[in-house]
């Protein structure tokens, strides 16, 4: 079960999940930073 093809797929999906999470967090951070200019507090 733990052959090279399985490990490469696991590595690929891990990198893909980390990339999707980073894009989501970056989008949220940029949105939050952009909203701070319109606040009145």
N, C-alpha and C. Protein backbone atom coordinates (compact mmCIF):
# COMPACT_ATOMS: atom_id res chain seq x y z
N UNK A 1 0.82 -1.20 0.00
CA UNK A 1 0.00 0.00 0.00
C UNK A 1 0.86 1.26 0.00
N UNK A 2 1.93 1.27 0.76
CA UNK A 2 2.77 2.46 0.82
C UNK A 2 3.86 2.40 -0.24
N UNK A 3 3.44 2.40 -1.50
CA UNK A 3 4.42 2.41 -2.57
C UNK A 3 4.65 3.84 -3.06
N UNK A 4 5.48 3.98 -4.05
CA UNK A 4 5.83 5.30 -4.53
C UNK A 4 4.67 6.07 -5.13
N UNK A 5 3.79 5.37 -5.85
CA UNK A 5 2.65 6.05 -6.47
C UNK A 5 1.69 6.59 -5.41
N UNK A 6 1.45 5.80 -4.36
CA UNK A 6 0.56 6.26 -3.29
C UNK A 6 1.14 7.47 -2.58
N UNK A 7 2.44 7.41 -2.27
CA UNK A 7 3.06 8.54 -1.57
C UNK A 7 3.08 9.79 -2.44
N UNK A 8 3.28 9.65 -3.74
CA UNK A 8 3.27 10.82 -4.61
C UNK A 8 1.87 11.43 -4.68
N UNK A 9 0.84 10.58 -4.68
CA UNK A 9 -0.52 11.12 -4.67
C UNK A 9 -0.81 11.84 -3.36
N UNK A 10 -0.39 11.26 -2.25
CA UNK A 10 -0.60 11.92 -0.95
C UNK A 10 0.12 13.26 -0.93
N UNK A 11 1.35 13.30 -1.41
CA UNK A 11 2.10 14.55 -1.43
C UNK A 11 1.43 15.57 -2.33
N UNK A 12 0.94 15.14 -3.48
CA UNK A 12 0.26 16.04 -4.40
C UNK A 12 -0.99 16.64 -3.77
N UNK A 13 -1.81 15.80 -3.13
CA UNK A 13 -3.04 16.30 -2.53
C UNK A 13 -2.75 17.17 -1.31
N UNK A 14 -1.68 16.87 -0.58
CA UNK A 14 -1.31 17.71 0.56
C UNK A 14 -0.90 19.10 0.09
N UNK A 15 -0.06 19.15 -0.95
CA UNK A 15 0.36 20.44 -1.49
C UNK A 15 -0.85 21.19 -2.07
N UNK A 16 -1.74 20.47 -2.74
CA UNK A 16 -2.93 21.11 -3.29
C UNK A 16 -3.83 21.68 -2.22
N UNK A 17 -4.03 20.93 -1.14
CA UNK A 17 -4.88 21.41 -0.05
C UNK A 17 -4.25 22.62 0.62
N UNK A 18 -2.94 22.60 0.80
CA UNK A 18 -2.26 23.76 1.40
C UNK A 18 -2.37 24.98 0.49
N UNK A 19 -2.29 24.78 -0.82
CA UNK A 19 -2.39 25.90 -1.75
C UNK A 19 -3.80 26.50 -1.73
N UNK A 20 -4.81 25.63 -1.72
CA UNK A 20 -6.19 26.14 -1.68
C UNK A 20 -6.44 26.89 -0.38
N UNK A 21 -5.94 26.35 0.72
CA UNK A 21 -6.10 27.04 2.00
C UNK A 21 -5.38 28.38 2.03
N UNK A 22 -4.19 28.43 1.44
CA UNK A 22 -3.45 29.69 1.40
C UNK A 22 -4.17 30.72 0.56
N UNK A 23 -4.73 30.31 -0.57
CA UNK A 23 -5.47 31.25 -1.41
C UNK A 23 -6.69 31.77 -0.67
N UNK A 24 -7.40 30.90 0.04
CA UNK A 24 -8.59 31.32 0.78
C UNK A 24 -8.22 32.30 1.89
N UNK A 25 -7.17 31.99 2.64
CA UNK A 25 -6.75 32.89 3.72
C UNK A 25 -6.23 34.21 3.17
N UNK A 26 -5.51 34.17 2.05
CA UNK A 26 -5.01 35.41 1.47
C UNK A 26 -6.15 36.28 0.97
N UNK A 27 -7.15 35.65 0.35
CA UNK A 27 -8.31 36.42 -0.10
C UNK A 27 -9.03 37.06 1.08
N UNK A 28 -9.21 36.31 2.14
CA UNK A 28 -9.85 36.87 3.34
C UNK A 28 -9.03 37.99 3.96
N UNK A 29 -7.72 37.85 3.98
CA UNK A 29 -6.87 38.89 4.56
C UNK A 29 -6.91 40.16 3.71
N UNK A 30 -6.85 40.01 2.40
CA UNK A 30 -6.91 41.19 1.53
C UNK A 30 -8.27 41.87 1.62
N UNK A 31 -9.34 41.07 1.73
CA UNK A 31 -10.67 41.64 1.89
C UNK A 31 -10.77 42.41 3.20
N UNK A 32 -10.23 41.84 4.28
CA UNK A 32 -10.27 42.50 5.58
C UNK A 32 -9.43 43.78 5.58
N UNK A 33 -8.27 43.73 4.92
CA UNK A 33 -7.43 44.92 4.85
C UNK A 33 -8.10 46.02 4.02
N UNK A 34 -8.79 45.62 2.97
CA UNK A 34 -9.47 46.61 2.14
C UNK A 34 -10.65 47.24 2.85
N UNK A 35 -11.29 46.48 3.75
CA UNK A 35 -12.45 47.02 4.46
C UNK A 35 -12.04 47.99 5.55
N UNK A 36 -10.82 47.94 6.04
CA UNK A 36 -10.43 48.81 7.16
C UNK A 36 -10.42 50.27 6.75
N UNK A 37 -10.27 50.59 5.47
CA UNK A 37 -10.27 51.98 5.04
C UNK A 37 -11.64 52.63 5.09
N UNK A 38 -12.68 51.83 5.16
CA UNK A 38 -14.04 52.37 5.15
C UNK A 38 -14.67 52.43 6.53
N UNK A 39 -13.94 52.00 7.53
CA UNK A 39 -14.51 52.00 8.88
C UNK A 39 -14.46 53.39 9.48
N UNK A 40 -15.37 53.64 10.42
CA UNK A 40 -15.45 54.94 11.07
C UNK A 40 -14.98 54.90 12.52
N UNK A 41 -14.47 53.75 12.99
CA UNK A 41 -14.04 53.66 14.39
C UNK A 41 -12.57 53.92 14.49
